[in-house]
Amino acid sequence: AIELNPSDARARYYLGNFWYDKRQYPEAIACWEEA
């Protein structure tokens, strides 16, 4: 979704939720900051 629709902030938000749940905190924070 991010690749085909680069302006999609929500996809980054959802992906950040996934990473945070899986304790991948740097990845989650990066997704939310971009969102």
Full PDB file with SEQRES, HELIX, SHEET, SSBOND, CRYST1, ORIGX, SCALE, CONECT and MASTER records, all heavy atoms in Angstrom:
SEQRES   1 A   35  ALA ILE GLU LEU ASN PRO SER ASP ALA ARG ALA ARG TYR          
SEQRES   2 A   35  TYR LEU GLY ASN PHE TRP TYR ASP LYS ARG GLN TYR PRO          
SEQRES   3 A   35  GLU ALA ILE ALA CYS TRP GLU GLU ALA                          
HELIX    1 AA1 ALA A    9  ASP A   21  1                                  13    
HELIX    2 AA2 TYR A   25  GLU A   34  1                                  10    
CRYST1    1.000    1.000    1.000  90.00  90.00  90.00 P 1           1          
ORIGX1      1.000000  0.000000  0.000000        0.00000                         
ORIGX2      0.000000  1.000000  0.000000        0.00000                         
ORIGX3      0.000000  0.000000  1.000000        0.00000                         
SCALE1      1.000000  0.000000  0.000000        0.00000                         
SCALE2      0.000000  1.000000  0.000000        0.00000                         
SCALE3      0.000000  0.000000  1.000000        0.00000                         
ATOM      1  N   ALA A   1       0.832  -1.204   0.000  1.00  0.00           N  
ATOM      2  CA  ALA A   1       0.000   0.000   0.000  1.00  0.00           C  
ATOM      3  C   ALA A   1       0.865   1.251   0.000  1.00  0.00           C  
ATOM      4  O   ALA A   1       0.594   2.220  -0.724  1.00  0.00           O  
ATOM      5  CB  ALA A   1      -0.920  -0.006   1.215  1.00  0.00           C  
ATOM      6  N   ILE A   2       1.915   1.248   0.819  1.00  0.00           N  
ATOM      7  CA  ILE A   2       2.818   2.407   0.895  1.00  0.00           C  
ATOM      8  C   ILE A   2       3.549   2.604  -0.423  1.00  0.00           C  
ATOM      9  O   ILE A   2       3.749   3.728  -0.897  1.00  0.00           O  
ATOM     10  CB  ILE A   2       3.810   2.214   2.058  1.00  0.00           C  
ATOM     11  CG1 ILE A   2       3.048   2.258   3.399  1.00  0.00           C  
ATOM     12  CG2 ILE A   2       4.907   3.265   2.025  1.00  0.00           C  
ATOM     13  CD1 ILE A   2       3.862   1.800   4.587  1.00  0.00           C  
ATOM     14  N   GLU A   3       3.918   1.490  -1.056  1.00  0.00           N  
ATOM     15  CA  GLU A   3       4.632   1.568  -2.343  1.00  0.00           C  
ATOM     16  C   GLU A   3       3.732   2.132  -3.443  1.00  0.00           C  
ATOM     17  O   GLU A   3       4.164   2.993  -4.227  1.00  0.00           O  
ATOM     18  CB  GLU A   3       5.116   0.180  -2.740  1.00  0.00           C  
ATOM     19  CG  GLU A   3       5.833   0.130  -4.083  1.00  0.00           C  
ATOM     20  CD  GLU A   3       6.166  -1.293  -4.505  1.00  0.00           C  
ATOM     21  OE1 GLU A   3       6.388  -2.147  -3.617  1.00  0.00           O  
ATOM     22  OE2 GLU A   3       6.181  -1.561  -5.725  1.00  0.00           O  
ATOM     23  N   LEU A   4       2.492   1.661  -3.529  1.00  0.00           N  
ATOM     24  CA  LEU A   4       1.595   2.074  -4.611  1.00  0.00           C  
ATOM     25  C   LEU A   4       0.874   3.388  -4.317  1.00  0.00           C  
ATOM     26  O   LEU A   4       0.385   4.049  -5.241  1.00  0.00           O  
ATOM     27  CB  LEU A   4       0.567   0.978  -4.889  1.00  0.00           C  
ATOM     28  CG  LEU A   4       1.108  -0.365  -5.396  1.00  0.00           C  
ATOM     29  CD1 LEU A   4      -0.040  -1.310  -5.718  1.00  0.00           C  
ATOM     30  CD2 LEU A   4       2.001  -0.181  -6.623  1.00  0.00           C  
ATOM     31  N   ASN A   5       0.779   3.749  -3.040  1.00  0.00           N  
ATOM     32  CA  ASN A   5       0.103   4.992  -2.660  1.00  0.00           C  
ATOM     33  C   ASN A   5       0.945   5.694  -1.603  1.00  0.00           C  
ATOM     34  O   ASN A   5       0.646   5.648  -0.403  1.00  0.00           O  
ATOM     35  CB  ASN A   5      -1.303   4.690  -2.127  1.00  0.00           C  
ATOM     36  CG  ASN A   5      -2.084   5.954  -1.803  1.00  0.00           C  
ATOM     37  OD1 ASN A   5      -1.763   7.038  -2.277  1.00  0.00           O  
ATOM     38  ND2 ASN A   5      -3.132   5.811  -0.980  1.00  0.00           N  
ATOM     39  N   PRO A   6       2.027   6.351  -2.010  1.00  0.00           N  
ATOM     40  CA  PRO A   6       2.993   6.924  -1.053  1.00  0.00           C  
ATOM     41  C   PRO A   6       2.402   7.940  -0.083  1.00  0.00           C  
ATOM     42  O   PRO A   6       2.994   8.209   0.960  1.00  0.00           O  
ATOM     43  CB  PRO A   6       4.039   7.584  -1.970  1.00  0.00           C  
ATOM     44  CG  PRO A   6       3.901   6.883  -3.285  1.00  0.00           C  
ATOM     45  CD  PRO A   6       2.451   6.550  -3.410  1.00  0.00           C  
ATOM     46  N   SER A   7       1.261   8.504  -0.383  1.00  0.00           N  
ATOM     47  CA  SER A   7       0.668   9.501   0.509  1.00  0.00           C  
ATOM     48  C   SER A   7      -0.234   8.883   1.569  1.00  0.00           C  
ATOM     49  O   SER A   7      -0.875   9.609   2.348  1.00  0.00           O  
ATOM     50  CB  SER A   7      -0.144  10.511  -0.319  1.00  0.00           C  
ATOM     51  OG  SER A   7      -1.237   9.861  -0.954  1.00  0.00           O  
ATOM     52  N   ASP A   8      -0.284   7.560   1.623  1.00  0.00           N  
ATOM     53  CA  ASP A   8      -1.184   6.871   2.563  1.00  0.00           C  
ATOM     54  C   ASP A   8      -0.594   6.883   3.978  1.00  0.00           C  
ATOM     55  O   ASP A   8       0.238   6.049   4.338  1.00  0.00           O  
ATOM     56  CB  ASP A   8      -1.423   5.432   2.094  1.00  0.00           C  
ATOM     57  CG  ASP A   8      -2.448   4.700   2.949  1.00  0.00           C  
ATOM     58  OD1 ASP A   8      -2.896   5.269   3.961  1.00  0.00           O  
ATOM     59  OD2 ASP A   8      -2.792   3.556   2.613  1.00  0.00           O  
ATOM     60  N   ALA A   9      -1.049   7.845   4.783  1.00  0.00           N  
ATOM     61  CA  ALA A   9      -0.568   7.941   6.172  1.00  0.00           C  
ATOM     62  C   ALA A   9      -1.127   6.814   7.027  1.00  0.00           C  
ATOM     63  O   ALA A   9      -0.454   6.318   7.939  1.00  0.00           O  
ATOM     64  CB  ALA A   9      -0.964   9.289   6.763  1.00  0.00           C  
ATOM     65  N   ARG A  10      -2.357   6.385   6.725  1.00  0.00           N  
ATOM     66  CA  ARG A  10      -2.996   5.367   7.560  1.00  0.00           C  
ATOM     67  C   ARG A  10      -2.282   4.021   7.453  1.00  0.00           C  
ATOM     68  O   ARG A  10      -2.188   3.286   8.441  1.00  0.00           O  
ATOM     69  CB  ARG A  10      -4.473   5.217   7.189  1.00  0.00           C  
ATOM     70  CG  ARG A  10      -5.290   6.458   7.504  1.00  0.00           C  
ATOM     71  CD  ARG A  10      -5.417   6.671   9.024  1.00  0.00           C  
ATOM     72  NE  ARG A  10      -5.980   7.974   9.326  1.00  0.00           N  
ATOM     73  CZ  ARG A  10      -7.263   8.273   9.296  1.00  0.00           C  
ATOM     74  NH1 ARG A  10      -8.143   7.334   8.962  1.00  0.00           N  
ATOM     75  NH2 ARG A  10      -7.677   9.481   9.604  1.00  0.00           N  
ATOM     76  N   ALA A  11      -1.813   3.677   6.265  1.00  0.00           N  
ATOM     77  CA  ALA A  11      -1.099   2.407   6.113  1.00  0.00           C  
ATOM     78  C   ALA A  11       0.126   2.383   7.016  1.00  0.00           C  
ATOM     79  O   ALA A  11       0.450   1.352   7.626  1.00  0.00           O  
ATOM     80  CB  ALA A  11      -0.697   2.179   4.662  1.00  0.00           C  
ATOM     81  N   ARG A  12       0.803   3.524   7.129  1.00  0.00           N  
ATOM     82  CA  ARG A  12       1.973   3.607   8.008  1.00  0.00           C  
ATOM     83  C   ARG A  12       1.550   3.510   9.481  1.00  0.00           C  
ATOM     84  O   ARG A  12       2.244   2.898  10.301  1.00  0.00           O  
ATOM     85  CB  ARG A  12       2.721   4.916   7.745  1.00  0.00           C  
ATOM     86  CG  ARG A  12       3.419   4.939   6.382  1.00  0.00           C  
ATOM     87  CD  ARG A  12       3.919   6.333   6.038  1.00  0.00           C  
ATOM     88  NE  ARG A  12       4.752   6.332   4.847  1.00  0.00           N  
ATOM     89  CZ  ARG A  12       4.278   6.371   3.596  1.00  0.00           C  
ATOM     90  NH1 ARG A  12       2.974   6.401   3.403  1.00  0.00           N  
ATOM     91  NH2 ARG A  12       5.100   6.380   2.573  1.00  0.00           N  
ATOM     92  N   TYR A  13       0.428   4.133   9.801  1.00  0.00           N  
ATOM     93  CA  TYR A  13      -0.100   4.031  11.161  1.00  0.00           C  
ATOM     94  C   TYR A  13      -0.426   2.577  11.509  1.00  0.00           C  
ATOM     95  O   TYR A  13      -0.037   2.069  12.568  1.00  0.00           O  
ATOM     96  CB  TYR A  13      -1.345   4.915  11.291  1.00  0.00           C  
ATOM     97  CG  TYR A  13      -2.244   4.561  12.447  1.00  0.00           C  
ATOM     98  CD1 TYR A  13      -1.866   4.824  13.763  1.00  0.00           C  
ATOM     99  CD2 TYR A  13      -3.480   3.947  12.218  1.00  0.00           C  
ATOM    100  CE1 TYR A  13      -2.702   4.492  14.822  1.00  0.00           C  
ATOM    101  CE2 TYR A  13      -4.314   3.620  13.276  1.00  0.00           C  
ATOM    102  CZ  TYR A  13      -3.927   3.892  14.574  1.00  0.00           C  
ATOM    103  OH  TYR A  13      -4.744   3.555  15.619  1.00  0.00           O  
ATOM    104  N   TYR A  14      -1.131   1.878  10.603  1.00  0.00           N  
ATOM    105  CA  TYR A  14      -1.490   0.481  10.861  1.00  0.00           C  
ATOM    106  C   TYR A  14      -0.241  -0.392  10.967  1.00  0.00           C  
ATOM    107  O   TYR A  14      -0.147  -1.253  11.852  1.00  0.00           O  
ATOM    108  CB  TYR A  14      -2.384  -0.064   9.749  1.00  0.00           C  
ATOM    109  CG  TYR A  14      -3.659   0.700   9.519  1.00  0.00           C  
ATOM    110  CD1 TYR A  14      -4.112   0.987   8.233  1.00  0.00           C  
ATOM    111  CD2 TYR A  14      -4.440   1.146  10.591  1.00  0.00           C  
ATOM    112  CE1 TYR A  14      -5.284   1.684   8.017  1.00  0.00           C  
ATOM    113  CE2 TYR A  14      -5.606   1.852  10.383  1.00  0.00           C  
ATOM    114  CZ  TYR A  14      -6.027   2.127   9.084  1.00  0.00           C  
ATOM    115  OH  TYR A  14      -7.192   2.817   8.861  1.00  0.00           O  
ATOM    116  N   LEU A  15       0.714  -0.155  10.098  1.00  0.00           N  
ATOM    117  CA  LEU A  15       1.939  -0.956  10.128  1.00  0.00           C  
ATOM    118  C   LEU A  15       2.715  -0.682  11.414  1.00  0.00           C  
ATOM    119  O   LEU A  15       3.307  -1.596  12.008  1.00  0.00           O  
ATOM    120  CB  LEU A  15       2.795  -0.643   8.897  1.00  0.00           C  
ATOM    121  CG  LEU A  15       4.003  -1.539   8.649  1.00  0.00           C  
ATOM    122  CD1 LEU A  15       3.603  -3.009   8.565  1.00  0.00           C  
ATOM    123  CD2 LEU A  15       4.739  -1.115   7.376  1.00  0.00           C  
ATOM    124  N   GLY A  16       2.689   0.579  11.864  1.00  0.00           N  
ATOM    125  CA  GLY A  16       3.321   0.899  13.142  1.00  0.00           C  
ATOM    126  C   GLY A  16       2.680   0.142  14.286  1.00  0.00           C  
ATOM    127  O   GLY A  16       3.371  -0.339  15.205  1.00  0.00           O  
ATOM    128  N   ASN A  17       1.340   0.005  14.258  1.00  0.00           N  
ATOM    129  CA  ASN A  17       0.648  -0.775  15.288  1.00  0.00           C  
ATOM    130  C   ASN A  17       1.150  -2.215  15.301  1.00  0.00           C  
ATOM    131  O   ASN A  17       1.358  -2.813  16.368  1.00  0.00           O  
ATOM    132  CB  ASN A  17      -0.860  -0.764  15.036  1.00  0.00           C  
ATOM    133  CG  ASN A  17      -1.483   0.600  15.275  1.00  0.00           C  
ATOM    134  OD1 ASN A  17      -0.842   1.504  15.794  1.00  0.00           O  
ATOM    135  ND2 ASN A  17      -2.730   0.760  14.866  1.00  0.00           N  
ATOM    136  N   PHE A  18       1.317  -2.776  14.101  1.00  0.00           N  
ATOM    137  CA  PHE A  18       1.796  -4.160  14.004  1.00  0.00           C  
ATOM    138  C   PHE A  18       3.196  -4.281  14.605  1.00  0.00           C  
ATOM    139  O   PHE A  18       3.467  -5.163  15.420  1.00  0.00           O  
ATOM    140  CB  PHE A  18       1.815  -4.610  12.543  1.00  0.00           C  
ATOM    141  CG  PHE A  18       2.351  -6.002  12.343  1.00  0.00           C  
ATOM    142  CD1 PHE A  18       1.506  -7.097  12.363  1.00  0.00           C  
ATOM    143  CD2 PHE A  18       3.716  -6.232  12.160  1.00  0.00           C  
ATOM    144  CE1 PHE A  18       1.990  -8.392  12.195  1.00  0.00           C  
ATOM    145  CE2 PHE A  18       4.218  -7.514  11.994  1.00  0.00           C  
ATOM    146  CZ  PHE A  18       3.348  -8.588  12.014  1.00  0.00           C  
ATOM    147  N   TRP A  19       4.110  -3.385  14.211  1.00  0.00           N  
ATOM    148  CA  TRP A  19       5.492  -3.480  14.700  1.00  0.00           C  
ATOM    149  C   TRP A  19       5.556  -3.291  16.213  1.00  0.00           C  
ATOM    150  O   TRP A  19       6.321  -3.975  16.897  1.00  0.00           O  
ATOM    151  CB  TRP A  19       6.375  -2.440  14.013  1.00  0.00           C  
ATOM    152  CG  TRP A  19       6.652  -2.667  12.556  1.00  0.00           C  
ATOM    153  CD1 TRP A  19       6.550  -1.749  11.544  1.00  0.00           C  
ATOM    154  CD2 TRP A  19       7.080  -3.884  11.933  1.00  0.00           C  
ATOM    155  NE1 TRP A  19       6.880  -2.309  10.352  1.00  0.00           N  
ATOM    156  CE2 TRP A  19       7.222  -3.627  10.550  1.00  0.00           C  
ATOM    157  CE3 TRP A  19       7.362  -5.166  12.402  1.00  0.00           C  
ATOM    158  CZ2 TRP A  19       7.625  -4.589   9.643  1.00  0.00           C  
ATOM    159  CZ3 TRP A  19       7.762  -6.143  11.493  1.00  0.00           C  
ATOM    160  CH2 TRP A  19       7.893  -5.850  10.143  1.00  0.00           C  
ATOM    161  N   TYR A  20       4.765  -2.362  16.744  1.00  0.00           N  
ATOM    162  CA  TYR A  20       4.816  -2.118  18.186  1.00  0.00           C  
ATOM    163  C   TYR A  20       4.323  -3.343  18.948  1.00  0.00           C  
ATOM    164  O   TYR A  20       4.900  -3.728  19.973  1.00  0.00           O  
ATOM    165  CB  TYR A  20       3.962  -0.899  18.545  1.00  0.00           C  
ATOM    166  CG  TYR A  20       4.337  -0.278  19.882  1.00  0.00           C  
ATOM    167  CD1 TYR A  20       5.390   0.631  19.973  1.00  0.00           C  
ATOM    168  CD2 TYR A  20       3.644  -0.596  21.043  1.00  0.00           C  
ATOM    169  CE1 TYR A  20       5.738   1.206  21.186  1.00  0.00           C  
ATOM    170  CE2 TYR A  20       3.983  -0.039  22.262  1.00  0.00           C  
ATOM    171  CZ  TYR A  20       5.035   0.867  22.326  1.00  0.00           C  
ATOM    172  OH  TYR A  20       5.384   1.415  23.540  1.00  0.00           O  
ATOM    173  N   ASP A  21       3.258  -3.970  18.440  1.00  0.00           N  
ATOM    174  CA  ASP A  21       2.748  -5.187  19.078  1.00  0.00           C  
ATOM    175  C   ASP A  21       3.790  -6.289  19.077  1.00  0.00           C  
ATOM    176  O   ASP A  21       3.876  -7.075  20.019  1.00  0.00           O  
ATOM    177  CB  ASP A  21       1.494  -5.651  18.336  1.00  0.00           C  
ATOM    178  CG  ASP A  21       0.987  -6.985  18.853  1.00  0.00           C  
ATOM    179  OD1 ASP A  21       0.656  -7.070  20.048  1.00  0.00           O  
ATOM    180  OD2 ASP A  21       0.925  -7.947  18.072  1.00  0.00           O  
ATOM    181  N   LYS A  22       4.612  -6.331  18.032  1.00  0.00           N  
ATOM    182  CA  LYS A  22       5.650  -7.366  17.919  1.00  0.00           C  
ATOM    183  C   LYS A  22       6.972  -6.918  18.542  1.00  0.00           C  
ATOM    184  O   LYS A  22       8.010  -7.549  18.347  1.00  0.00           O  
ATOM    185  CB  LYS A  22       5.871  -7.753  16.457  1.00  0.00           C  
ATOM    186  CG  LYS A  22       4.609  -8.176  15.724  1.00  0.00           C  
ATOM    187  CD  LYS A  22       3.847  -9.271  16.447  1.00  0.00           C  
ATOM    188  CE  LYS A  22       2.545  -9.632  15.722  1.00  0.00           C  
ATOM    189  NZ  LYS A  22       1.695 -10.542  16.516  1.00  0.00           N  
ATOM    190  N   ARG A  23       6.928  -5.805  19.295  1.00  0.00           N  
ATOM    191  CA  ARG A  23       8.091  -5.269  20.020  1.00  0.00           C  
ATOM    192  C   ARG A  23       9.229  -4.839  19.099  1.00  0.00           C  
ATOM    193  O   ARG A  23      10.393  -4.811  19.512  1.00  0.00           O  
ATOM    194  CB  ARG A  23       8.591  -6.283  21.061  1.00  0.00           C  
ATOM    195  CG  ARG A  23       7.507  -6.674  22.062  1.00  0.00           C  
ATOM    196  CD  ARG A  23       8.007  -7.576  23.157  1.00  0.00           C  
ATOM    197  NE  ARG A  23       6.918  -7.968  24.059  1.00  0.00           N  
ATOM    198  CZ  ARG A  23       7.076  -8.695  25.152  1.00  0.00           C  
ATOM    199  NH1 ARG A  23       8.281  -9.123  25.482  1.00  0.00           N  
ATOM    200  NH2 ARG A  23       6.053  -8.999  25.907  1.00  0.00           N  
ATOM    201  N   GLN A  24       8.880  -4.481  17.890  1.00  0.00           N  
ATOM    202  CA  GLN A  24       9.853  -3.898  16.957  1.00  0.00           C  
ATOM    203  C   GLN A  24       9.694  -2.372  17.053  1.00  0.00           C  
ATOM    204  O   GLN A  24       9.160  -1.722  16.159  1.00  0.00           O  
ATOM    205  CB  GLN A  24       9.586  -4.402  15.535  1.00  0.00           C  
ATOM    206  CG  GLN A  24       9.551  -5.915  15.414  1.00  0.00           C  
ATOM    207  CD  GLN A  24      10.857  -6.562  15.856  1.00  0.00           C  
ATOM    208  OE1 GLN A  24      11.932  -6.258  15.329  1.00  0.00           O  
ATOM    209  NE2 GLN A  24      10.777  -7.455  16.834  1.00  0.00           N  
ATOM    210  N   TYR A  25      10.181  -1.825  18.173  1.00  0.00           N  
ATOM    211  CA  TYR A  25       9.861  -0.443  18.505  1.00  0.00           C  
ATOM    212  C   TYR A  25      10.459   0.585  17.547  1.00  0.00           C  
ATOM    213  O   TYR A  25       9.758   1.543  17.169  1.00  0.00           O  
ATOM    214  CB  TYR A  25      10.274  -0.149  19.943  1.00  0.00           C  
ATOM    215  CG  TYR A  25       9.619  -1.091  20.934  1.00  0.00           C  
ATOM    216  CD1 TYR A  25      10.372  -1.918  21.764  1.00  0.00           C  
ATOM    217  CD2 TYR A  25       8.233  -1.176  21.026  1.00  0.00           C  
ATOM    218  CE1 TYR A  25       9.773  -2.789  22.661  1.00  0.00           C  
ATOM    219  CE2 TYR A  25       7.614  -2.048  21.919  1.00  0.00           C  
ATOM    220  CZ  TYR A  25       8.393  -2.854  22.735  1.00  0.00           C  
ATOM    221  OH  TYR A  25       7.785  -3.718  23.613  1.00  0.00           O  
ATOM    222  N   PRO A  26      11.715   0.451  17.103  1.00  0.00           N  
ATOM    223  CA  PRO A  26      12.235   1.448  16.143  1.00  0.00           C  
ATOM    224  C   PRO A  26      11.415   1.486  14.860  1.00  0.00           C  
ATOM    225  O   PRO A  26      11.147   2.568  14.323  1.00  0.00           O  
ATOM    226  CB  PRO A  26      13.674   0.975  15.897  1.00  0.00           C  
ATOM    227  CG  PRO A  26      14.037   0.187  17.109  1.00  0.00           C  
ATOM    228  CD  PRO A  26      12.772  -0.492  17.526  1.00  0.00           C  
ATOM    229  N   GLU A  27      11.012   0.309  14.367  1.00  0.00           N  
ATOM    230  CA  GLU A  27      10.220   0.268  13.140  1.00  0.00           C  
ATOM    231  C   GLU A  27       8.856   0.924  13.353  1.00  0.00           C  
ATOM    232  O   GLU A  27       8.357   1.661  12.495  1.00  0.00           O  
ATOM    233  CB  GLU A  27      10.027  -1.178  12.686  1.00  0.00           C  
ATOM    234  CG  GLU A  27      11.280  -1.853  12.163  1.00  0.00           C  
ATOM    235  CD  GLU A  27      12.143  -2.468  13.264  1.00  0.00           C  
ATOM    236  OE1 GLU A  27      11.864  -2.187  14.465  1.00  0.00           O  
ATOM    237  OE2 GLU A  27      13.079  -3.215  12.932  1.00  0.00           O  
ATOM    238  N   ALA A  28       8.251   0.658  14.525  1.00  0.00           N  
ATOM    239  CA  ALA A  28       6.944   1.254  14.827  1.00  0.00           C  
ATOM    240  C   ALA A  28       7.047   2.774  14.886  1.00  0.00           C  
ATOM    241  O   ALA A  28       6.221   3.498  14.297  1.00  0.00           O  
ATOM    242  CB  ALA A  28       6.414   0.705  16.142  1.00  0.00           C  
ATOM    243  N   ILE A  29       8.042   3.267  15.609  1.00  0.00           N  
ATOM    244  CA  ILE A  29       8.203   4.713  15.762  1.00  0.00           C  
ATOM    245  C   ILE A  29       8.458   5.369  14.412  1.00  0.00           C  
ATOM    246  O   ILE A  29       7.888   6.433  14.105  1.00  0.00           O  
ATOM    247  CB  ILE A  29       9.343   5.003  16.758  1.00  0.00           C  
ATOM    248  CG1 ILE A  29       8.906   4.588  18.175  1.00  0.00           C  
ATOM    249  CG2 ILE A  29       9.735   6.478  16.729  1.00  0.00           C  
ATOM    250  CD1 ILE A  29      10.024   4.589  19.198  1.00  0.00           C  
ATOM    251  N   ALA A  30       9.274   4.745  13.578  1.00  0.00           N  
ATOM    252  CA  ALA A  30       9.553   5.303  12.248  1.00  0.00           C  
ATOM    253  C   ALA A  30       8.274   5.390  11.418  1.00  0.00           C  
ATOM    254  O   ALA A  30       8.034   6.392  10.724  1.00  0.00           O  
ATOM    255  CB  ALA A  30      10.598   4.445  11.531  1.00  0.00           C  
ATOM    256  N   CYS A  31       7.437   4.346  11.486  1.00  0.00           N  
ATOM    257  CA  CYS A  31       6.166   4.363  10.743  1.00  0.00           C  
ATOM    258  C   CYS A  31       5.264   5.488  11.233  1.00  0.00           C  
ATOM    259  O   CYS A  31       4.672   6.225  10.433  1.00  0.00           O  
ATOM    260  CB  CYS A  31       5.451   3.030  10.894  1.00  0.00           C  
ATOM    261  SG  CYS A  31       6.117   1.688   9.879  1.00  0.00           S  
ATOM    262  N   TRP A  32       5.147   5.645  12.538  1.00  0.00           N  
ATOM    263  CA  TRP A  32       4.251   6.670  13.082  1.00  0.00           C  
ATOM    264  C   TRP A  32       4.777   8.072  12.804  1.00  0.00           C  
ATOM    265  O   TRP A  32       3.992   8.994  12.548  1.00  0.00           O  
ATOM    266  CB  TRP A  32       4.061   6.452  14.577  1.00  0.00           C  
ATOM    267  CG  TRP A  32       3.239   5.239  14.898  1.00  0.00           C  
ATOM    268  CD1 TRP A  32       2.274   4.663  14.121  1.00  0.00           C  
ATOM    269  CD2 TRP A  32       3.308   4.455  16.088  1.00  0.00           C  
ATOM    270  NE1 TRP A  32       1.741   3.566  14.750  1.00  0.00           N  
ATOM    271  CE2 TRP A  32       2.344   3.409  15.966  1.00  0.00           C  
ATOM    272  CE3 TRP A  32       4.065   4.500  17.248  1.00  0.00           C  
ATOM    273  CZ2 TRP A  32       2.134   2.452  16.962  1.00  0.00           C  
ATOM    274  CZ3 TRP A  32       3.861   3.551  18.243  1.00  0.00           C  
ATOM    275  CH2 TRP A  32       2.903   2.533  18.089  1.00  0.00           C  
ATOM    276  N   GLU A  33       6.090   8.249  12.866  1.00  0.00           N  
ATOM    277  CA  GLU A  33       6.650   9.566  12.559  1.00  0.00           C  
ATOM    278  C   GLU A  33       6.371   9.951  11.122  1.00  0.00           C  
ATOM    279  O   GLU A  33       6.038  11.112  10.822  1.00  0.00           O  
ATOM    280  CB  GLU A  33       8.156   9.565  12.842  1.00  0.00           C  
ATOM    281  CG  GLU A  33       8.501   9.542  14.321  1.00  0.00           C  
ATOM    282  CD  GLU A  33       9.986   9.415  14.584  1.00  0.00           C  
ATOM    283  OE1 GLU A  33      10.714   8.881  13.713  1.00  0.00           O  
ATOM    284  OE2 GLU A  33      10.432   9.822  15.669  1.00  0.00           O  
ATOM    285  N   GLU A  34       6.493   8.992  10.215  1.00  0.00           N  
ATOM    286  CA  GLU A  34       6.201   9.268   8.813  1.00  0.00           C  
ATOM    287  C   GLU A  34       4.704   9.530   8.628  1.00  0.00           C  
ATOM    288  O   GLU A  34       4.290  10.365   7.819  1.00  0.00           O  
ATOM    289  CB  GLU A  34       6.642   8.086   7.948  1.00  0.00           C  
ATOM    290  CG  GLU A  34       6.489   8.297   6.448  1.00  0.00           C  
ATOM    291  CD  GLU A  34       7.366   9.404   5.880  1.00  0.00           C  
ATOM    292  OE1 GLU A  34       8.272   9.882   6.601  1.00  0.00           O  
ATOM    293  OE2 GLU A  34       7.143   9.790   4.726  1.00  0.00           O  
ATOM    294  N   ALA A  35       3.874   8.821   9.398  1.00  0.00           N  
ATOM    295  CA  ALA A  35       2.422   9.004   9.298  1.00  0.00           C  
ATOM    296  C   ALA A  35       2.013  10.421   9.690  1.00  0.00           C  
ATOM    297  O   ALA A  35       1.166  11.037   9.016  1.00  0.00           O  
ATOM    298  CB  ALA A  35       1.705   7.986  10.171  1.00  0.00           C  
TER     299      ALA A  35                                                      
MASTER        0    0    0    2    0    0    0    6  298    1    0    3          
END                                                                             
